[in-house]
Structures are given as C-alpha cells and as structure tokens.
Amino acid sequence: MEWEKKRIKQLRRAMRLTQKGFGERLGVTMNAVESWEQGLRRPDLYNQRRLDDMKVLRELSKRRNHG
C-alpha cells in the first residue's frame, strides 16, 4: 500500500496524535513524520508496514467501539 503524505496526516489526526506522539509510536523522530507529511521524504518499507499495521489496528478499534 502506498503511503502518500495526505494519508499519513489523516491517520495521525484520526489517532489524535501530534507529530511527536505519532513518531514515538512508530519509533521515528517528529522530523521524520513532518517530512513525510510535507512530501519531502517517504517512509521506508519497514515504516510503511508499520503504518499499515497502525491503520488496521485503528479500524479494528473503531469497529469494536461502534459495533
């Protein structure tokens, strides 16, 4: 799954996290998250997979709370 800057920012905001908090969850710096969201850099394959995992967990949590 391709992680574009818009999708990264949407996931972070949906999780109600700051760039720093989001980075801490992923094990990267706030500057890394900021550069991804600005489109200056892209997450490497390892972090793309971690983003996929975070998205899946977020969706499962939403379903459990609403379903």
Protein backbone atom coordinates (compact mmCIF):
# COMPACT_ATOMS: atom_id res chain seq x y z
CA MET A 1 0.00 0.00 0.00
CA GLU A 2 1.36 3.38 -1.00
CA TRP A 3 1.62 5.88 1.83
CA GLU A 4 1.15 9.38 0.47
CA LYS A 5 1.62 12.46 2.62
CA LYS A 6 -2.13 13.07 2.84
CA ARG A 7 -2.86 9.56 4.13
CA ILE A 8 -0.15 9.76 6.77
CA LYS A 9 -1.53 13.03 8.09
CA GLN A 10 -5.10 11.69 8.04
CA LEU A 11 -4.10 8.63 10.06
CA ARG A 12 -2.18 10.71 12.58
CA ARG A 13 -5.07 13.12 13.03
CA ALA A 14 -7.59 10.28 13.29
CA MET A 15 -5.47 8.89 16.11
CA ARG A 16 -5.45 12.34 17.70
CA LEU A 17 -1.68 12.41 17.92
CA THR A 18 0.85 15.16 17.44
CA GLN A 19 3.68 14.59 15.01
CA LYS A 20 5.88 13.89 18.00
CA GLY A 21 3.44 11.38 19.51
CA PHE A 22 2.91 9.69 16.17
CA GLY A 23 6.65 9.43 15.67
CA GLU A 24 7.07 7.92 19.13
CA ARG A 25 4.51 5.24 18.27
CA LEU A 26 6.41 4.42 15.10
CA GLY A 27 9.86 4.76 16.59
CA VAL A 28 10.87 7.68 14.38
CA THR A 29 11.51 11.34 15.04
CA MET A 30 8.98 14.13 14.80
CA ASN A 31 11.11 15.50 11.94
CA ALA A 32 10.64 12.25 10.00
CA VAL A 33 6.85 12.46 10.37
CA GLU A 34 6.91 16.13 9.39
CA SER A 35 8.97 15.42 6.26
CA TRP A 36 6.61 12.57 5.26
CA GLU A 37 3.57 14.82 5.69
CA GLN A 38 5.19 17.58 3.64
CA GLY A 39 6.11 15.15 0.90
CA LEU A 40 9.83 15.82 1.29
CA ARG A 41 10.58 12.18 2.08
CA ARG A 42 8.70 8.90 2.05
CA PRO A 43 8.65 6.25 4.75
CA ASP A 44 10.89 3.29 4.05
CA LEU A 45 9.38 -0.16 3.56
CA TYR A 46 9.66 -1.04 7.25
CA ASN A 47 7.77 2.10 8.31
CA GLN A 48 5.21 1.67 5.53
CA ARG A 49 4.39 -1.73 7.01
CA ARG A 50 4.16 -0.21 10.47
CA LEU A 51 1.77 2.43 9.12
CA ASP A 52 -0.31 -0.36 7.57
CA ASP A 53 -0.44 -2.10 10.97
CA MET A 54 -1.44 1.12 12.74
CA LYS A 55 -4.23 1.69 10.22
CA VAL A 56 -5.57 -1.85 10.64
CA LEU A 57 -5.48 -1.58 14.43
CA ARG A 58 -7.25 1.78 14.25
CA GLU A 59 -10.00 0.31 12.06
CA LEU A 60 -10.45 -2.71 14.34
CA SER A 61 -10.66 -0.47 17.37
CA LYS A 62 -13.28 1.70 15.66
CA ARG A 63 -15.39 -1.33 14.80
CA ARG A 64 -15.17 -2.72 18.31
CA ASN A 65 -16.27 0.58 19.81
CA HIS A 66 -19.13 1.12 17.36
CA GLY A 67 -20.23 -2.38 16.55
